Amino acid sequence: MVFSIGDADARYQLGVEARRDGLLSAAERAFKSALDVDPDHAGARLALGFKKHKGQWLSDSDWH
């Protein structure tokens, strides 16, 4: 896969593929990398366990 260094969607896709292949650490790194480019990337946030509440992304620890 060829992508631009600033392409959050491509980084997210790498995470999806890594997770599908059982490479969970690599998937997490890819999702976090997508957030480095686009902090509001919904797919990456959801993949990392965040939930959106009243326009804000909350982690599990923030949610409870």
N, C-alpha and C. Protein backbone atom coordinates (compact mmCIF):
# COMPACT_ATOMS: atom_id res chain seq x y z
N MET A 1 0.85 -1.18 0.00
CA MET A 1 0.00 0.00 0.00
C MET A 1 0.90 1.24 0.00
N VAL A 2 0.60 2.17 -0.87
CA VAL A 2 1.35 3.42 -0.95
C VAL A 2 0.45 4.53 -0.43
N PHE A 3 0.99 5.35 0.47
CA PHE A 3 0.19 6.45 1.00
C PHE A 3 1.09 7.60 1.41
N SER A 4 0.47 8.74 1.55
CA SER A 4 1.17 9.94 1.97
C SER A 4 1.39 9.88 3.48
N ILE A 5 2.51 10.40 3.94
CA ILE A 5 2.84 10.40 5.36
C ILE A 5 1.76 11.13 6.17
N GLY A 6 1.05 12.06 5.55
CA GLY A 6 0.03 12.82 6.25
C GLY A 6 -1.38 12.30 6.03
N ASP A 7 -1.51 11.07 5.57
CA ASP A 7 -2.82 10.51 5.23
C ASP A 7 -3.37 9.69 6.39
N ALA A 8 -4.25 10.29 7.19
CA ALA A 8 -4.81 9.61 8.36
C ALA A 8 -5.63 8.39 7.95
N ASP A 9 -6.36 8.48 6.86
CA ASP A 9 -7.18 7.34 6.42
C ASP A 9 -6.31 6.13 6.07
N ALA A 10 -5.19 6.36 5.43
CA ALA A 10 -4.29 5.25 5.08
C ALA A 10 -3.69 4.63 6.33
N ARG A 11 -3.32 5.46 7.29
CA ARG A 11 -2.77 4.94 8.55
C ARG A 11 -3.84 4.12 9.29
N TYR A 12 -5.07 4.61 9.25
CA TYR A 12 -6.18 3.87 9.85
C TYR A 12 -6.35 2.52 9.16
N GLN A 13 -6.31 2.50 7.83
CA GLN A 13 -6.45 1.25 7.07
C GLN A 13 -5.35 0.26 7.42
N LEU A 14 -4.13 0.76 7.62
CA LEU A 14 -3.05 -0.12 8.05
C LEU A 14 -3.40 -0.77 9.38
N GLY A 15 -3.98 0.02 10.27
CA GLY A 15 -4.41 -0.51 11.57
C GLY A 15 -5.47 -1.57 11.43
N VAL A 16 -6.43 -1.33 10.55
CA VAL A 16 -7.50 -2.30 10.31
C VAL A 16 -6.90 -3.62 9.80
N GLU A 17 -6.00 -3.52 8.85
CA GLU A 17 -5.37 -4.71 8.29
C GLU A 17 -4.52 -5.44 9.32
N ALA A 18 -3.78 -4.67 10.12
CA ALA A 18 -2.95 -5.28 11.16
C ALA A 18 -3.81 -5.99 12.19
N ARG A 19 -4.91 -5.37 12.59
CA ARG A 19 -5.82 -6.00 13.57
C ARG A 19 -6.41 -7.28 12.98
N ARG A 20 -6.82 -7.23 11.72
CA ARG A 20 -7.38 -8.41 11.05
C ARG A 20 -6.38 -9.56 11.03
N ASP A 21 -5.10 -9.22 10.90
CA ASP A 21 -4.05 -10.23 10.85
C ASP A 21 -3.54 -10.64 12.24
N GLY A 22 -4.18 -10.10 13.30
CA GLY A 22 -3.80 -10.46 14.66
C GLY A 22 -2.60 -9.69 15.20
N LEU A 23 -2.18 -8.66 14.52
CA LEU A 23 -1.02 -7.85 14.94
C LEU A 23 -1.53 -6.66 15.75
N LEU A 24 -1.95 -6.94 16.98
CA LEU A 24 -2.66 -5.94 17.77
C LEU A 24 -1.81 -4.74 18.16
N SER A 25 -0.55 -4.96 18.48
CA SER A 25 0.33 -3.83 18.83
C SER A 25 0.55 -2.93 17.63
N ALA A 26 0.76 -3.54 16.47
CA ALA A 26 0.95 -2.75 15.24
C ALA A 26 -0.32 -2.00 14.90
N ALA A 27 -1.48 -2.63 15.12
CA ALA A 27 -2.75 -1.96 14.85
C ALA A 27 -2.91 -0.74 15.74
N GLU A 28 -2.62 -0.90 17.02
CA GLU A 28 -2.74 0.22 17.95
C GLU A 28 -1.82 1.37 17.55
N ARG A 29 -0.59 1.04 17.16
CA ARG A 29 0.35 2.08 16.71
C ARG A 29 -0.18 2.80 15.48
N ALA A 30 -0.75 2.05 14.55
CA ALA A 30 -1.28 2.67 13.33
C ALA A 30 -2.46 3.58 13.64
N PHE A 31 -3.36 3.13 14.52
CA PHE A 31 -4.51 3.97 14.89
C PHE A 31 -4.04 5.24 15.59
N LYS A 32 -3.08 5.12 16.49
CA LYS A 32 -2.55 6.31 17.17
C LYS A 32 -1.83 7.23 16.18
N SER A 33 -1.17 6.63 15.20
CA SER A 33 -0.51 7.42 14.16
C SER A 33 -1.54 8.21 13.34
N ALA A 34 -2.68 7.58 13.05
CA ALA A 34 -3.75 8.29 12.34
C ALA A 34 -4.21 9.49 13.15
N LEU A 35 -4.28 9.33 14.47
CA LEU A 35 -4.70 10.45 15.33
C LEU A 35 -3.65 11.55 15.40
N ASP A 36 -2.39 11.20 15.18
CA ASP A 36 -1.35 12.24 15.11
C ASP A 36 -1.62 13.19 13.96
N VAL A 37 -2.15 12.65 12.88
CA VAL A 37 -2.44 13.45 11.68
C VAL A 37 -3.81 14.13 11.81
N ASP A 38 -4.79 13.37 12.29
CA ASP A 38 -6.16 13.88 12.41
C ASP A 38 -6.73 13.45 13.76
N PRO A 39 -6.60 14.32 14.78
CA PRO A 39 -7.04 13.96 16.13
C PRO A 39 -8.53 13.61 16.24
N ASP A 40 -9.32 13.95 15.25
CA ASP A 40 -10.75 13.67 15.29
C ASP A 40 -11.14 12.53 14.35
N HIS A 41 -10.18 11.72 13.92
CA HIS A 41 -10.47 10.62 13.00
C HIS A 41 -11.37 9.61 13.72
N ALA A 42 -12.62 9.53 13.30
CA ALA A 42 -13.62 8.71 13.99
C ALA A 42 -13.25 7.23 14.01
N GLY A 43 -12.81 6.70 12.89
CA GLY A 43 -12.48 5.28 12.83
C GLY A 43 -11.36 4.91 13.80
N ALA A 44 -10.32 5.72 13.83
CA ALA A 44 -9.19 5.46 14.72
C ALA A 44 -9.62 5.61 16.17
N ARG A 45 -10.40 6.63 16.46
CA ARG A 45 -10.89 6.82 17.85
C ARG A 45 -11.71 5.62 18.30
N LEU A 46 -12.64 5.19 17.46
CA LEU A 46 -13.49 4.05 17.81
C LEU A 46 -12.66 2.78 17.97
N ALA A 47 -11.69 2.58 17.09
CA ALA A 47 -10.84 1.39 17.15
C ALA A 47 -10.04 1.34 18.45
N LEU A 48 -9.73 2.50 18.99
CA LEU A 48 -8.97 2.57 20.24
C LEU A 48 -9.87 2.59 21.47
N GLY A 49 -11.18 2.45 21.25
CA GLY A 49 -12.10 2.34 22.37
C GLY A 49 -12.72 3.62 22.84
N PHE A 50 -12.52 4.71 22.10
CA PHE A 50 -13.12 5.98 22.49
C PHE A 50 -14.60 5.99 22.11
N LYS A 51 -15.38 6.77 22.84
CA LYS A 51 -16.78 7.00 22.52
C LYS A 51 -17.00 8.50 22.42
N LYS A 52 -17.86 8.92 21.51
CA LYS A 52 -18.14 10.34 21.37
C LYS A 52 -19.40 10.67 22.16
N HIS A 53 -19.28 11.67 23.03
CA HIS A 53 -20.38 12.10 23.88
C HIS A 53 -20.41 13.62 23.89
N LYS A 54 -21.52 14.17 23.43
CA LYS A 54 -21.70 15.64 23.39
C LYS A 54 -20.54 16.32 22.67
N GLY A 55 -20.12 15.70 21.55
CA GLY A 55 -19.08 16.30 20.72
C GLY A 55 -17.67 16.09 21.19
N GLN A 56 -17.47 15.33 22.27
CA GLN A 56 -16.14 15.09 22.81
C GLN A 56 -15.83 13.60 22.78
N TRP A 57 -14.59 13.27 22.43
CA TRP A 57 -14.15 11.88 22.47
C TRP A 57 -13.72 11.55 23.89
N LEU A 58 -14.28 10.47 24.44
CA LEU A 58 -13.96 10.05 25.80
C LEU A 58 -13.39 8.64 25.79
N SER A 59 -12.35 8.44 26.58
CA SER A 59 -11.80 7.09 26.74
C SER A 59 -12.68 6.34 27.73
N ASP A 60 -12.43 5.05 27.85
CA ASP A 60 -13.19 4.25 28.82
C ASP A 60 -13.05 4.80 30.22
N SER A 61 -11.86 5.24 30.60
CA SER A 61 -11.68 5.78 31.95
C SER A 61 -12.42 7.10 32.13
N ASP A 62 -12.56 7.90 31.07
CA ASP A 62 -13.33 9.15 31.16
C ASP A 62 -14.83 8.87 31.19
N TRP A 63 -15.23 7.78 30.55
CA TRP A 63 -16.64 7.46 30.38
C TRP A 63 -17.29 7.04 31.69
N HIS A 64 -16.55 6.34 32.52
CA HIS A 64 -17.12 5.78 33.76
C HIS A 64 -16.89 6.66 34.93
